[in-house]
Protein backbone atom coordinates (compact mmCIF):
# COMPACT_ATOMS: atom_id res chain seq x y z
CA MET A 1 -7.96 -0.91 23.60
CA PRO A 2 -5.72 -1.25 26.94
CA ASN A 3 -2.46 -2.45 24.87
CA GLU A 4 -2.75 -0.14 22.03
CA PRO A 5 0.37 2.29 22.34
CA GLN A 6 -0.39 6.09 23.02
CA ARG A 7 -0.82 8.05 19.95
CA TRP A 8 -1.40 11.63 18.88
CA ARG A 9 -5.00 13.03 18.03
CA PRO A 10 -5.68 16.00 16.00
CA THR A 11 -7.80 18.80 17.70
CA LYS A 12 -10.28 20.74 16.03
CA GLY A 13 -8.93 24.11 14.63
CA MET A 14 -5.23 22.64 13.82
CA THR A 15 -3.64 24.02 10.39
CA TRP A 16 -3.05 21.74 7.85
CA GLN A 17 -0.69 21.61 4.52
CA TRP A 18 -1.80 18.67 2.12
CA GLN A 19 0.79 17.95 -0.06
CA ILE A 20 0.67 14.48 -1.97
CA ASP A 21 1.93 15.78 -5.52
CA GLY A 22 5.42 14.44 -5.10
CA ALA A 23 7.26 17.57 -5.06
CA PRO A 24 9.48 18.64 -2.19
CA ILE A 25 7.42 19.32 0.62
CA ASP A 26 7.36 22.89 1.36
CA LEU A 27 8.58 23.26 4.81
CA SER A 28 8.09 27.15 5.17
CA VAL A 29 4.42 26.48 5.16
CA GLU A 30 3.20 27.75 8.56
CA ALA A 31 0.84 24.79 9.34
CA GLU A 32 0.65 22.63 12.60
CA VAL A 33 -0.12 19.40 10.46
CA PHE A 34 1.84 18.35 7.26
CA ASP A 35 -0.45 15.43 5.03
CA VAL A 36 2.21 13.80 2.92
CA ASP A 37 2.80 10.76 0.77
CA LEU A 38 4.02 7.60 2.27
CA PHE A 39 6.39 6.59 -0.41
CA GLU A 40 7.85 9.75 -1.59
CA THR A 41 8.48 11.39 1.71
CA PRO A 42 12.08 10.65 2.97
CA VAL A 43 12.90 10.22 6.98
CA SER A 44 14.43 13.14 6.86
CA THR A 45 11.63 15.44 6.06
CA VAL A 46 9.40 13.49 8.63
CA GLN A 47 12.24 14.37 11.26
CA GLU A 48 12.70 17.89 10.01
CA LEU A 49 8.96 18.60 10.62
CA HIS A 50 9.00 17.08 14.15
CA ALA A 51 11.95 19.49 14.63
CA ARG A 52 10.14 22.23 13.66
CA GLY A 53 7.11 21.41 16.08
CA ARG A 54 4.63 19.81 13.52
CA LYS A 55 3.04 16.38 13.11
CA ALA A 56 3.27 14.54 10.13
CA ILE A 57 0.57 12.23 8.71
CA CYS A 58 1.23 9.81 5.62
CA TYR A 59 -1.03 9.36 2.86
CA PHE A 60 -1.85 5.94 0.86
CA SER A 61 -4.18 4.47 -0.98
CA ALA A 62 -5.24 1.46 0.81
CA GLY A 63 -8.53 1.07 -1.40
CA SER A 64 -6.87 0.88 -4.96
CA TRP A 65 -4.02 -0.56 -6.71
CA GLU A 66 -1.55 1.91 -8.01
CA PRO A 67 0.91 0.82 -10.84
CA TYR A 68 3.71 3.14 -9.41
CA ARG A 69 4.17 2.26 -6.19
CA PRO A 70 7.25 0.55 -4.75
CA ASP A 71 5.06 -2.53 -3.62
CA ALA A 72 2.68 -2.59 -6.65
CA GLY A 73 4.21 -6.10 -7.53
CA ASP A 74 2.77 -7.56 -4.00
CA PHE A 75 -0.88 -7.05 -5.04
CA PRO A 76 -2.21 -10.35 -6.80
CA ASP A 77 -4.16 -9.86 -9.83
CA SER A 78 -7.05 -11.69 -8.09
CA LEU A 79 -7.50 -8.51 -5.85
CA LYS A 80 -8.01 -5.82 -8.46
CA GLY A 81 -11.15 -4.79 -9.83
CA GLY A 82 -12.40 -1.79 -12.33
CA THR A 83 -10.50 1.12 -13.09
CA VAL A 84 -10.83 4.45 -10.84
CA GLU A 85 -12.63 6.91 -12.60
CA GLY A 86 -10.26 9.44 -13.60
CA TRP A 87 -7.29 7.54 -12.60
CA PRO A 88 -6.75 5.29 -15.67
CA ASP A 89 -3.77 3.73 -13.94
CA GLU A 90 -5.67 2.65 -10.82
CA ARG A 91 -7.68 -0.12 -10.04
CA TRP A 92 -9.98 -0.41 -7.21
CA LEU A 93 -8.92 -3.45 -4.50
CA ASP A 94 -11.68 -5.95 -3.62
CA ILE A 95 -11.89 -5.01 0.18
CA ARG A 96 -13.84 -7.90 1.00
CA ARG A 97 -10.48 -9.99 0.95
CA ARG A 98 -9.46 -8.60 4.26
CA ASP A 99 -7.42 -11.77 4.68
CA ALA A 100 -5.15 -11.13 1.55
CA LEU A 101 -5.18 -7.23 2.09
CA ARG A 102 -4.34 -7.39 5.76
CA PRO A 103 -0.35 -8.28 5.16
CA LEU A 104 -0.16 -6.01 2.21
CA LEU A 105 -1.82 -3.06 4.38
CA ALA A 106 0.15 -3.96 7.17
CA ALA A 107 3.40 -3.39 5.46
CA ARG A 108 2.34 0.01 4.69
CA LEU A 109 1.29 1.02 8.07
CA ASP A 110 4.40 -0.53 9.59
CA LEU A 111 6.32 1.90 6.99
CA CYS A 112 4.33 4.75 8.08
CA ALA A 113 5.31 3.95 11.54
CA GLU A 114 9.19 3.25 10.82
CA LYS A 115 9.28 6.68 9.03
CA GLY A 116 8.47 8.32 12.29
CA PHE A 117 4.73 9.47 11.35
CA ASP A 118 2.32 10.62 13.77
CA GLY A 119 -0.90 9.29 11.87
CA VAL A 120 -2.32 8.01 8.44
CA GLU A 121 -4.62 9.16 5.79
CA PRO A 122 -5.79 5.94 3.76
CA ASP A 123 -7.71 6.61 0.68
CA TRP A 124 -10.57 5.37 -0.99
CA LEU A 125 -12.59 4.15 2.17
CA ASP A 126 -15.92 4.39 0.57
CA HIS A 127 -15.95 1.47 -1.98
CA HIS A 128 -19.71 0.78 -1.40
CA ASP A 129 -20.29 4.18 -3.37
CA GLN A 130 -18.16 3.09 -6.63
CA ASP A 131 -18.33 1.04 -9.40
CA THR A 132 -15.47 -1.47 -8.20
CA GLY A 133 -16.14 -4.28 -10.51
CA PHE A 134 -17.03 -6.03 -6.82
CA PRO A 135 -20.45 -6.43 -5.41
CA ILE A 136 -19.49 -4.48 -1.90
CA THR A 137 -21.70 -3.89 0.50
CA ALA A 138 -21.65 -0.89 3.49
CA ALA A 139 -21.37 -3.91 5.91
CA ASP A 140 -17.92 -4.99 3.84
CA GLN A 141 -16.86 -1.39 3.89
CA LEU A 142 -17.17 -1.24 7.90
CA ALA A 143 -15.68 -4.19 8.30
CA PHE A 144 -12.68 -2.92 6.16
CA ASN A 145 -12.64 0.48 7.67
CA ARG A 146 -12.79 -1.01 11.06
CA MET A 147 -9.86 -3.44 10.26
CA LEU A 148 -7.73 -0.33 8.91
CA ALA A 149 -8.42 1.59 12.35
CA GLY A 150 -7.14 -0.80 14.58
CA MET A 151 -4.18 -1.75 12.44
CA ALA A 152 -3.16 1.91 12.39
CA HIS A 153 -3.94 2.18 16.41
CA GLU A 154 -1.89 -1.19 17.12
CA ARG A 155 1.15 0.94 15.46
CA GLY A 156 0.54 4.03 17.42
CA LEU A 157 -0.83 5.66 14.81
CA ALA A 158 -3.63 8.29 14.36
CA ILE A 159 -5.99 7.62 11.38
CA GLY A 160 -8.38 9.61 9.32
CA LEU A 161 -11.43 8.72 7.54
CA LYS A 162 -11.69 9.73 4.07
CA ASN A 163 -14.58 9.68 1.37
CA ASP A 164 -16.80 7.56 3.72
CA LEU A 165 -19.55 10.43 4.94
CA GLY A 166 -22.42 7.71 4.83
CA GLN A 167 -20.76 5.82 7.54
CA VAL A 168 -19.42 8.47 9.79
CA ALA A 169 -21.92 7.33 12.58
CA GLU A 170 -20.84 4.03 12.88
CA LEU A 171 -16.81 4.98 12.87
CA ALA A 172 -16.62 8.26 14.48
CA ASP A 173 -15.47 6.60 17.69
CA LEU A 174 -12.75 4.54 15.73
CA PHE A 175 -11.23 7.34 13.75
CA ASP A 176 -9.33 10.21 15.15
CA PHE A 177 -9.80 12.60 12.34
CA SER A 178 -11.70 13.09 8.80
CA VAL A 179 -10.42 14.41 5.51
């Protein structure tokens, strides 16, 4: 889009460090890109990565509610579905409710941009393939993923497609990388 800010786009062959476990980020890793947790990574770490010539990507769950996140209380119960298998505290979000999710996800993307991240890795972009407790279709998933890509790009952030391999052909032009 003509009004979108310029954004970084990863290139094939770049080296990556993916560390979202909440431990202090190991800045000694020789990687060009660091994919780290949005909420647990301070601005100072993003700045230090940039000072070392590295790119920083913020990870957050776009498709599930996590009770331990600082914005957990902002998500109404009406958006929460079944439990995410393997993550007993996490609940699926009703991605059909883009009107209700948009401001919540916008706040997360704003935080990502404010902290100086170069891109975003939103998790759980494959609800139509999961047992969420909601009747989510492939069309619902495409609409949600397209919304997220547009919101990230509006903020000058690269965005990665994660989990939704079945819709890569429809989404490849909107996403800047895949995880």
